[in-house]
Amino acid sequence: MTQFKKDDTGKTDMSYIIDFAPEFEAICKALEYGGNKYGRYNWKNGTPERYVAAAIRHLMSIGESDTGDHLAQAAANIILIMGLLRGK
């Protein structure tokens, strides 16, 4: 029987996501909320500056209400910035 071989040298170890599954789920919920409110791909019409401002507002709101929601919303905004900057 042939032994399975696979060379993952230089490839990103995506298993790190598993360690933060609840946090990634919260970020996905934040993205889903925005998608339902504004349209799934409406984020593409935004600008990095708008998402930076939104992320900062959420970070400044930590402690005023649900910290987890604000952190997830801030992280979602950062992901949207990353998407815009890579031309997604």
Protein backbone atom coordinates (compact mmCIF):
# COMPACT_ATOMS: atom_id res chain seq x y z
CA MET A 1 0.00 0.00 0.00
CA THR A 2 1.31 3.48 -0.89
CA GLN A 3 1.91 5.82 2.03
CA PHE A 4 0.25 9.25 1.80
CA LYS A 5 2.67 12.14 1.38
CA LYS A 6 1.99 15.85 1.33
CA ASP A 7 4.47 18.71 1.52
CA ASP A 8 3.01 21.68 3.43
CA THR A 9 6.35 23.48 3.73
CA GLY A 10 5.85 27.24 3.57
CA LYS A 11 2.06 26.99 3.75
CA THR A 12 0.02 28.72 6.46
CA ASP A 13 -1.08 26.42 9.28
CA MET A 14 -4.82 27.09 9.22
CA SER A 15 -5.38 24.89 12.28
CA TYR A 16 -4.85 27.97 14.45
CA ILE A 17 -8.44 28.92 13.60
CA ILE A 18 -9.62 25.95 15.67
CA ASP A 19 -8.16 27.50 18.84
CA PHE A 20 -10.32 30.59 18.33
CA ALA A 21 -13.49 29.06 16.89
CA PRO A 22 -15.88 30.91 19.27
CA GLU A 23 -14.22 34.23 18.46
CA PHE A 24 -14.37 33.59 14.73
CA GLU A 25 -18.02 32.63 15.09
CA ALA A 26 -18.69 35.97 16.83
CA ILE A 27 -16.95 37.82 13.99
CA CYS A 28 -19.00 35.89 11.42
CA LYS A 29 -22.16 36.83 13.32
CA ALA A 30 -21.08 40.50 13.18
CA LEU A 31 -20.47 40.22 9.43
CA GLU A 32 -23.81 38.46 8.98
CA TYR A 33 -25.58 41.21 10.95
CA GLY A 34 -24.08 43.83 8.65
CA GLY A 35 -24.90 41.75 5.59
CA ASN A 36 -28.53 41.45 6.63
CA LYS A 37 -28.77 45.15 7.46
CA TYR A 38 -26.96 46.63 4.45
CA GLY A 39 -26.62 43.78 1.93
CA ARG A 40 -23.99 41.05 1.92
CA TYR A 41 -21.61 42.79 -0.50
CA ASN A 42 -22.37 46.41 0.36
CA TRP A 43 -19.09 46.55 2.28
CA LYS A 44 -17.28 46.69 -1.07
CA ASN A 45 -18.72 50.18 -1.57
CA GLY A 46 -17.13 51.46 1.63
CA THR A 47 -13.72 52.96 2.22
CA PRO A 48 -10.99 51.85 4.61
CA GLU A 49 -11.35 55.16 6.47
CA ARG A 50 -15.03 54.48 7.22
CA TYR A 51 -14.24 51.03 8.58
CA VAL A 52 -11.32 52.35 10.65
CA ALA A 53 -13.69 54.90 12.19
CA ALA A 54 -16.29 52.20 12.87
CA ALA A 55 -13.69 49.90 14.45
CA ILE A 56 -12.47 52.71 16.69
CA ARG A 57 -16.04 53.52 17.78
CA HIS A 58 -16.58 49.87 18.74
CA LEU A 59 -13.28 49.69 20.60
CA MET A 60 -14.13 52.88 22.50
CA SER A 61 -17.50 51.36 23.47
CA ILE A 62 -15.92 48.44 25.28
CA GLY A 63 -17.11 48.47 28.85
CA GLU A 64 -20.21 50.54 28.09
CA SER A 65 -22.21 47.51 26.97
CA ASP A 66 -21.55 44.00 25.67
CA THR A 67 -17.77 43.94 25.28
CA GLY A 68 -17.81 40.75 23.18
CA ASP A 69 -20.13 42.26 20.61
CA HIS A 70 -18.02 45.39 20.32
CA LEU A 71 -14.82 43.39 19.93
CA ALA A 72 -16.41 41.20 17.26
CA GLN A 73 -17.73 44.27 15.43
CA ALA A 74 -14.29 45.92 15.59
CA ALA A 75 -12.66 42.75 14.27
CA ALA A 76 -15.24 42.51 11.48
CA ASN A 77 -14.45 46.08 10.46
CA ILE A 78 -10.75 45.27 10.36
CA ILE A 79 -11.46 42.26 8.16
CA LEU A 80 -13.46 44.49 5.81
CA ILE A 81 -10.51 46.88 5.62
CA MET A 82 -8.24 43.97 4.76
CA GLY A 83 -10.67 42.87 2.04
CA LEU A 84 -10.81 46.33 0.53
CA LEU A 85 -7.03 46.74 0.59
CA ARG A 86 -6.45 43.46 -1.21
CA GLY A 87 -9.02 44.43 -3.82
CA LYS A 88 -11.63 41.82 -2.91
